[in-house]
Amino acid sequence: MERLTIAVHVPLGFHARPVSRWVSLAQTFQSHITVTFRDKTVDGKSALGLMALAVPGGAELEVCASGPDEQEALAALAGLASRSFSA
């Protein structure tokens, strides 16, 4: 299992558009992905779960991936976040 802390550099937080982009990317990987914010952990491939976290801008998420492509998954998701969730 690999872990990574990712900052949400989007002023409005982890709202519908960044969550949609995140989920689309996360679903391309075989690994199981989870996201933790304020002691609440959700499936990193679930838009509803991620939206329920209500992550504000500037917050940090702990992302875990477990599976055959875990390192690639975390690198890709970190890259997306570093681009402020732009495609």
N, C-alpha and C. Protein backbone atom coordinates (compact mmCIF):
# COMPACT_ATOMS: atom_id res chain seq x y z
N MET A 1 0.86 -1.18 0.00
CA MET A 1 0.00 0.00 0.00
C MET A 1 0.90 1.24 0.00
N GLU A 2 0.56 2.17 -0.85
CA GLU A 2 1.27 3.44 -0.95
C GLU A 2 0.37 4.55 -0.42
N ARG A 3 0.98 5.56 0.23
CA ARG A 3 0.24 6.70 0.77
C ARG A 3 0.87 8.00 0.29
N LEU A 4 0.03 9.01 0.16
CA LEU A 4 0.51 10.30 -0.30
C LEU A 4 -0.42 11.39 0.25
N THR A 5 0.15 12.52 0.61
CA THR A 5 -0.65 13.67 1.02
C THR A 5 -0.74 14.62 -0.17
N ILE A 6 -1.96 15.00 -0.51
CA ILE A 6 -2.20 15.86 -1.67
C ILE A 6 -2.95 17.10 -1.21
N ALA A 7 -2.46 18.26 -1.62
CA ALA A 7 -3.11 19.53 -1.28
C ALA A 7 -4.15 19.88 -2.34
N VAL A 8 -5.26 20.44 -1.90
CA VAL A 8 -6.33 20.87 -2.80
C VAL A 8 -6.17 22.38 -3.02
N HIS A 9 -5.54 22.73 -4.13
CA HIS A 9 -5.29 24.14 -4.44
C HIS A 9 -6.36 24.69 -5.37
N VAL A 10 -7.60 24.57 -4.95
CA VAL A 10 -8.74 25.09 -5.69
C VAL A 10 -9.52 25.96 -4.72
N PRO A 11 -9.70 27.25 -5.03
CA PRO A 11 -10.35 28.16 -4.07
C PRO A 11 -11.70 27.67 -3.55
N LEU A 12 -12.49 27.04 -4.40
CA LEU A 12 -13.82 26.58 -3.97
C LEU A 12 -13.79 25.20 -3.34
N GLY A 13 -12.61 24.62 -3.22
CA GLY A 13 -12.49 23.31 -2.60
C GLY A 13 -12.73 22.19 -3.60
N PHE A 14 -12.90 21.02 -3.06
CA PHE A 14 -13.06 19.80 -3.87
C PHE A 14 -14.53 19.68 -4.26
N HIS A 15 -14.95 20.54 -5.19
CA HIS A 15 -16.35 20.59 -5.62
C HIS A 15 -16.56 19.70 -6.84
N ALA A 16 -17.71 19.80 -7.48
CA ALA A 16 -18.13 18.86 -8.53
C ALA A 16 -17.13 18.70 -9.68
N ARG A 17 -16.61 19.78 -10.21
CA ARG A 17 -15.71 19.66 -11.36
C ARG A 17 -14.40 18.93 -11.01
N PRO A 18 -13.68 19.35 -9.96
CA PRO A 18 -12.46 18.61 -9.64
C PRO A 18 -12.73 17.16 -9.22
N VAL A 19 -13.83 16.93 -8.52
CA VAL A 19 -14.16 15.57 -8.13
C VAL A 19 -14.43 14.72 -9.36
N SER A 20 -15.13 15.26 -10.33
CA SER A 20 -15.41 14.53 -11.56
C SER A 20 -14.13 14.16 -12.30
N ARG A 21 -13.22 15.09 -12.38
CA ARG A 21 -11.94 14.82 -13.04
C ARG A 21 -11.14 13.77 -12.26
N TRP A 22 -11.15 13.89 -10.95
CA TRP A 22 -10.45 12.94 -10.08
C TRP A 22 -10.99 11.52 -10.30
N VAL A 23 -12.32 11.38 -10.23
CA VAL A 23 -12.94 10.07 -10.36
C VAL A 23 -12.67 9.47 -11.75
N SER A 24 -12.77 10.29 -12.78
CA SER A 24 -12.50 9.80 -14.14
C SER A 24 -11.09 9.24 -14.24
N LEU A 25 -10.13 9.92 -13.65
CA LEU A 25 -8.75 9.46 -13.67
C LEU A 25 -8.57 8.24 -12.77
N ALA A 26 -9.10 8.29 -11.57
CA ALA A 26 -8.93 7.19 -10.61
C ALA A 26 -9.50 5.88 -11.16
N GLN A 27 -10.59 5.96 -11.90
CA GLN A 27 -11.22 4.75 -12.43
C GLN A 27 -10.41 4.08 -13.53
N THR A 28 -9.37 4.73 -14.03
CA THR A 28 -8.54 4.12 -15.05
C THR A 28 -7.51 3.16 -14.44
N PHE A 29 -7.41 3.14 -13.12
CA PHE A 29 -6.44 2.28 -12.45
C PHE A 29 -7.12 1.09 -11.79
N GLN A 30 -6.41 -0.03 -11.73
CA GLN A 30 -6.93 -1.24 -11.10
C GLN A 30 -6.88 -1.16 -9.58
N SER A 31 -5.95 -0.41 -9.06
CA SER A 31 -5.75 -0.35 -7.60
C SER A 31 -6.97 0.20 -6.87
N HIS A 32 -7.12 -0.26 -5.64
CA HIS A 32 -8.15 0.29 -4.75
C HIS A 32 -7.60 1.61 -4.21
N ILE A 33 -8.39 2.67 -4.30
CA ILE A 33 -7.95 4.00 -3.88
C ILE A 33 -8.90 4.53 -2.81
N THR A 34 -8.33 5.04 -1.72
CA THR A 34 -9.14 5.67 -0.68
C THR A 34 -8.62 7.08 -0.44
N VAL A 35 -9.52 7.94 0.01
CA VAL A 35 -9.18 9.32 0.34
C VAL A 35 -9.67 9.59 1.75
N THR A 36 -8.78 10.17 2.57
CA THR A 36 -9.12 10.48 3.96
C THR A 36 -8.99 11.98 4.19
N PHE A 37 -10.02 12.54 4.83
CA PHE A 37 -10.02 13.95 5.22
C PHE A 37 -10.74 14.05 6.56
N ARG A 38 -10.07 14.66 7.53
CA ARG A 38 -10.63 14.82 8.88
C ARG A 38 -11.17 13.50 9.45
N ASP A 39 -10.36 12.49 9.40
CA ASP A 39 -10.69 11.18 9.98
C ASP A 39 -11.86 10.47 9.31
N LYS A 40 -12.25 10.90 8.13
CA LYS A 40 -13.30 10.22 7.38
C LYS A 40 -12.67 9.69 6.10
N THR A 41 -12.84 8.40 5.84
CA THR A 41 -12.24 7.76 4.67
C THR A 41 -13.34 7.29 3.73
N VAL A 42 -13.14 7.59 2.43
CA VAL A 42 -14.11 7.19 1.41
C VAL A 42 -13.40 6.53 0.23
N ASP A 43 -14.17 5.87 -0.59
CA ASP A 43 -13.66 5.27 -1.82
C ASP A 43 -13.21 6.39 -2.76
N GLY A 44 -11.97 6.35 -3.19
CA GLY A 44 -11.41 7.38 -4.05
C GLY A 44 -11.93 7.35 -5.48
N LYS A 45 -12.81 6.40 -5.79
CA LYS A 45 -13.41 6.30 -7.12
C LYS A 45 -14.90 6.63 -7.08
N SER A 46 -15.37 7.12 -5.94
CA SER A 46 -16.79 7.43 -5.74
C SER A 46 -17.00 8.94 -5.66
N ALA A 47 -17.68 9.49 -6.65
CA ALA A 47 -17.94 10.93 -6.66
C ALA A 47 -18.77 11.34 -5.44
N LEU A 48 -19.78 10.56 -5.11
CA LEU A 48 -20.63 10.91 -3.96
C LEU A 48 -19.83 10.86 -2.66
N GLY A 49 -18.99 9.86 -2.52
CA GLY A 49 -18.17 9.76 -1.33
C GLY A 49 -17.23 10.95 -1.19
N LEU A 50 -16.58 11.31 -2.29
CA LEU A 50 -15.64 12.43 -2.27
C LEU A 50 -16.36 13.75 -1.99
N MET A 51 -17.52 13.95 -2.59
CA MET A 51 -18.27 15.18 -2.35
C MET A 51 -18.71 15.27 -0.89
N ALA A 52 -19.02 14.11 -0.29
CA ALA A 52 -19.47 14.09 1.10
C ALA A 52 -18.37 14.53 2.08
N LEU A 53 -17.11 14.47 1.65
CA LEU A 53 -16.03 14.92 2.51
C LEU A 53 -16.04 16.43 2.73
N ALA A 54 -16.66 17.19 1.81
CA ALA A 54 -16.75 18.65 1.90
C ALA A 54 -15.37 19.28 2.14
N VAL A 55 -14.43 18.96 1.27
CA VAL A 55 -13.05 19.42 1.41
C VAL A 55 -12.93 20.88 0.94
N PRO A 56 -12.51 21.78 1.81
CA PRO A 56 -12.35 23.18 1.42
C PRO A 56 -11.03 23.40 0.67
N GLY A 57 -10.94 24.52 -0.01
CA GLY A 57 -9.70 24.88 -0.69
C GLY A 57 -8.57 25.01 0.31
N GLY A 58 -7.39 24.57 -0.09
CA GLY A 58 -6.23 24.65 0.77
C GLY A 58 -6.06 23.47 1.72
N ALA A 59 -7.03 22.59 1.75
CA ALA A 59 -6.95 21.43 2.65
C ALA A 59 -6.01 20.37 2.07
N GLU A 60 -5.62 19.44 2.92
CA GLU A 60 -4.79 18.33 2.49
C GLU A 60 -5.55 17.02 2.66
N LEU A 61 -5.40 16.16 1.67
CA LEU A 61 -6.03 14.84 1.68
C LEU A 61 -4.96 13.77 1.81
N GLU A 62 -5.27 12.72 2.51
CA GLU A 62 -4.39 11.55 2.50
C GLU A 62 -4.99 10.56 1.51
N VAL A 63 -4.19 10.20 0.52
CA VAL A 63 -4.65 9.28 -0.51
C VAL A 63 -3.84 8.00 -0.40
N CYS A 64 -4.55 6.87 -0.40
CA CYS A 64 -3.90 5.57 -0.33
C CYS A 64 -4.32 4.76 -1.55
N ALA A 65 -3.38 4.02 -2.07
CA ALA A 65 -3.67 3.12 -3.20
C ALA A 65 -3.05 1.77 -2.89
N SER A 66 -3.78 0.73 -3.24
CA SER A 66 -3.31 -0.63 -3.01
C SER A 66 -3.67 -1.47 -4.23
N GLY A 67 -2.64 -1.99 -4.88
CA GLY A 67 -2.89 -2.83 -6.05
C GLY A 67 -1.72 -2.80 -7.01
N PRO A 68 -1.92 -3.40 -8.17
CA PRO A 68 -0.82 -3.58 -9.11
C PRO A 68 -0.26 -2.29 -9.70
N ASP A 69 -1.06 -1.23 -9.73
CA ASP A 69 -0.59 0.03 -10.32
C ASP A 69 -0.69 1.19 -9.31
N GLU A 70 -0.47 0.87 -8.04
CA GLU A 70 -0.65 1.85 -6.97
C GLU A 70 0.26 3.07 -7.12
N GLN A 71 1.51 2.86 -7.47
CA GLN A 71 2.43 3.99 -7.61
C GLN A 71 2.03 4.89 -8.77
N GLU A 72 1.64 4.29 -9.87
CA GLU A 72 1.21 5.06 -11.04
C GLU A 72 -0.07 5.84 -10.73
N ALA A 73 -0.98 5.21 -10.00
CA ALA A 73 -2.24 5.87 -9.64
C ALA A 73 -1.98 7.11 -8.79
N LEU A 74 -1.15 6.95 -7.76
CA LEU A 74 -0.86 8.09 -6.88
C LEU A 74 -0.13 9.19 -7.64
N ALA A 75 0.79 8.83 -8.50
CA ALA A 75 1.53 9.84 -9.27
C ALA A 75 0.58 10.61 -10.19
N ALA A 76 -0.33 9.90 -10.83
CA ALA A 76 -1.28 10.55 -11.73
C ALA A 76 -2.24 11.47 -10.97
N LEU A 77 -2.74 11.01 -9.84
CA LEU A 77 -3.67 11.82 -9.04
C LEU A 77 -2.97 13.04 -8.44
N ALA A 78 -1.73 12.86 -8.00
CA ALA A 78 -0.96 14.00 -7.48
C ALA A 78 -0.70 15.01 -8.60
N GLY A 79 -0.43 14.53 -9.79
CA GLY A 79 -0.22 15.42 -10.93
C GLY A 79 -1.47 16.21 -11.26
N LEU A 80 -2.62 15.55 -11.22
CA LEU A 80 -3.89 16.24 -11.47
C LEU A 80 -4.11 17.33 -10.43
N ALA A 81 -3.87 17.01 -9.18
CA ALA A 81 -4.05 18.00 -8.11
C ALA A 81 -3.08 19.16 -8.27
N SER A 82 -1.86 18.88 -8.68
CA SER A 82 -0.86 19.95 -8.83
C SER A 82 -1.22 20.90 -9.97
N ARG A 83 -2.05 20.44 -10.89
CA ARG A 83 -2.53 21.29 -11.99
C ARG A 83 -3.88 21.91 -11.63
N SER A 84 -4.20 21.95 -10.37
CA SER A 84 -5.49 22.47 -9.88
C SER A 84 -6.66 21.78 -10.56
N PHE A 85 -6.50 20.48 -10.80
CA PHE A 85 -7.54 19.62 -11.36
C PHE A 85 -7.93 20.00 -12.77
N SER A 86 -7.01 20.64 -13.49
CA SER A 86 -7.23 20.95 -14.91
C SER A 86 -6.83 19.73 -15.71
N ALA A 87 -7.54 19.50 -16.78
CA ALA A 87 -7.27 18.32 -17.63
C ALA A 87 -5.94 18.37 -18.30
